[in-house]
N, C-alpha and C. Protein backbone atom coordinates (compact mmCIF):
# COMPACT_ATOMS: atom_id res chain seq x y z
N MET A 1 -4.99 1.74 -6.59
CA MET A 1 -3.71 1.46 -5.80
C MET A 1 -3.32 2.26 -4.51
N GLU A 2 -2.70 2.15 -3.80
CA GLU A 2 -2.80 2.76 -2.28
C GLU A 2 -1.29 2.65 -1.83
N ASP A 3 -0.49 4.04 -1.50
CA ASP A 3 0.60 3.87 -1.04
C ASP A 3 0.75 3.52 0.44
N PHE A 4 1.14 2.78 0.95
CA PHE A 4 1.56 2.72 2.38
C PHE A 4 2.93 2.68 2.93
N GLU A 5 3.44 3.71 3.89
CA GLU A 5 4.51 3.83 4.67
C GLU A 5 5.15 2.69 5.31
N PHE A 6 6.43 2.26 5.42
CA PHE A 6 6.61 1.08 6.29
C PHE A 6 8.13 2.08 6.72
N ASN A 7 8.71 1.46 7.77
CA ASN A 7 10.03 1.48 8.47
C ASN A 7 10.46 0.48 8.01
N CYS A 8 12.26 0.30 7.43
CA CYS A 8 12.96 -0.87 7.54
C CYS A 8 13.39 -0.82 9.17
N TRP A 9 13.22 -2.37 9.22
CA TRP A 9 13.86 -2.47 10.59
C TRP A 9 15.20 -2.61 11.09
N ARG A 10 16.18 -2.58 9.93
CA ARG A 10 17.60 -2.48 9.91
C ARG A 10 18.17 -1.06 10.31
N CYS A 11 17.68 0.17 8.91
CA CYS A 11 18.25 1.34 8.59
C CYS A 11 17.04 2.36 9.30
N TRP A 12 15.78 2.11 9.32
CA TRP A 12 14.67 2.90 9.81
C TRP A 12 14.32 4.06 8.37
N GLU A 13 15.09 3.60 7.66
CA GLU A 13 14.48 4.79 6.12
C GLU A 13 12.91 4.15 5.72
N VAL A 14 12.56 5.04 5.41
CA VAL A 14 10.99 4.82 5.21
C VAL A 14 10.76 4.30 3.74
N ASN A 15 9.56 3.44 3.65
CA ASN A 15 9.45 2.84 2.12
C ASN A 15 7.95 2.77 1.93
N PHE A 16 7.73 2.67 0.44
CA PHE A 16 6.49 2.79 0.16
C PHE A 16 6.22 1.95 -0.03
N ILE A 17 5.46 1.18 0.10
CA ILE A 17 4.59 -0.44 -0.45
C ILE A 17 3.19 0.06 -0.61
N GLN A 18 3.10 -0.35 -2.43
CA GLN A 18 2.08 -0.30 -2.88
C GLN A 18 0.86 -1.42 -2.51
N GLY A 19 -0.23 -1.04 -2.15
CA GLY A 19 -1.45 -2.06 -2.06
C GLY A 19 -2.52 -2.05 -2.78
N ARG A 20 -3.34 -3.20 -3.31
CA ARG A 20 -4.21 -3.18 -4.26
C ARG A 20 -5.45 -3.31 -3.53
N PRO A 21 -6.68 -2.78 -3.96
CA PRO A 21 -8.17 -3.08 -3.17
C PRO A 21 -8.32 -4.64 -3.35
N LYS A 22 -8.85 -5.09 -2.12
CA LYS A 22 -9.14 -6.46 -1.83
C LYS A 22 -10.43 -6.61 -2.98
N GLY A 23 -11.14 -6.08 -3.35
CA GLY A 23 -12.51 -6.28 -4.02
C GLY A 23 -12.46 -5.06 -5.10
N PHE A 24 -13.33 -5.80 -5.86
CA PHE A 24 -14.04 -4.18 -6.72
C PHE A 24 -14.25 -2.90 -6.35
N TRP A 25 -15.15 -3.25 -5.46
CA TRP A 25 -15.63 -2.16 -4.84
C TRP A 25 -15.07 -1.55 -3.79
N SER A 26 -14.11 -1.79 -3.36
CA SER A 26 -13.67 -1.70 -1.71
C SER A 26 -12.61 -0.61 -1.63
N THR A 27 -12.83 0.24 -0.76
CA THR A 27 -11.92 1.74 -0.63
C THR A 27 -11.01 1.77 0.74
N THR A 28 -11.44 0.49 1.37
CA THR A 28 -10.84 0.46 3.07
C THR A 28 -10.36 -0.31 3.03
N HIS A 29 -10.23 -1.82 2.15
CA HIS A 29 -9.33 -2.80 2.33
C HIS A 29 -8.58 -3.39 1.67
N TYR A 30 -7.00 -3.13 1.94
CA TYR A 30 -5.98 -3.28 0.73
C TYR A 30 -5.39 -4.72 0.87
N GLU A 31 -4.66 -5.26 0.06
CA GLU A 31 -3.61 -6.28 -0.09
C GLU A 31 -2.62 -6.13 -0.08
N LEU A 32 -1.34 -6.12 0.60
CA LEU A 32 -0.32 -5.91 0.79
C LEU A 32 0.96 -6.84 0.39
N PRO A 33 1.90 -6.63 0.11
CA PRO A 33 2.96 -7.93 0.07
C PRO A 33 3.46 -8.65 1.04
N GLY A 34 3.35 -9.87 1.19
CA GLY A 34 3.88 -10.12 3.08
C GLY A 34 5.14 -9.89 2.99
N GLU A 35 6.34 -9.59 2.10
CA GLU A 35 7.61 -9.82 2.22
C GLU A 35 7.92 -8.00 1.40
N TRP A 36 9.13 -7.68 1.30
CA TRP A 36 9.42 -6.35 0.88
C TRP A 36 10.58 -6.20 0.98
N ASP A 37 11.49 -5.55 -0.05
CA ASP A 37 12.93 -5.32 0.07
C ASP A 37 13.25 -3.82 0.44
N CYS A 38 13.72 -3.32 1.45
CA CYS A 38 14.19 -2.08 1.51
C CYS A 38 14.96 -1.16 0.34
N TRP A 39 14.62 -0.19 0.02
CA TRP A 39 15.16 0.25 -1.07
C TRP A 39 16.80 0.80 -1.21
N SER A 40 16.98 1.23 0.28
CA SER A 40 18.14 1.96 0.60
C SER A 40 19.27 0.77 1.19
N CYS A 41 18.82 -0.22 2.12
CA CYS A 41 19.52 -1.03 2.18
C CYS A 41 19.66 -2.81 1.96
N GLY A 42 18.60 -2.86 1.46
CA GLY A 42 18.32 -4.15 0.39
C GLY A 42 17.79 -4.94 1.44
N THR A 43 17.63 -4.74 2.85
CA THR A 43 16.86 -6.08 3.96
C THR A 43 15.50 -6.15 3.31
N ALA A 44 15.41 -7.71 3.87
CA ALA A 44 14.16 -8.20 3.58
C ALA A 44 13.39 -8.00 4.56
N ASN A 45 12.23 -7.19 4.82
CA ASN A 45 11.10 -6.82 5.67
C ASN A 45 9.65 -7.56 5.69
N THR A 46 8.89 -8.05 6.73
CA THR A 46 7.48 -8.15 6.53
C THR A 46 6.74 -7.09 7.06
N THR A 47 5.56 -7.32 6.24
CA THR A 47 4.64 -6.15 6.51
C THR A 47 4.15 -6.75 7.69
N PRO A 48 3.62 -6.02 8.59
CA PRO A 48 2.70 -5.89 9.97
C PRO A 48 1.67 -6.57 9.53
N ASP A 49 1.09 -7.19 10.21
CA ASP A 49 -0.36 -8.04 10.39
C ASP A 49 -1.57 -6.81 10.59
N ASP A 50 -0.84 -5.76 11.16
CA ASP A 50 -2.20 -4.73 11.97
C ASP A 50 -3.03 -4.44 10.56
């Protein structure tokens, strides 16, 4: 598991999203959830495609 930082679009609070490795041996490609809720304001956010 790897933590990624994203800012909420509404309150700009930093959120840490956990990503899982895509493959058994992969250390560079992670799978992230498509949507997540901000811990501060509860707003639904989407994960960027980058």
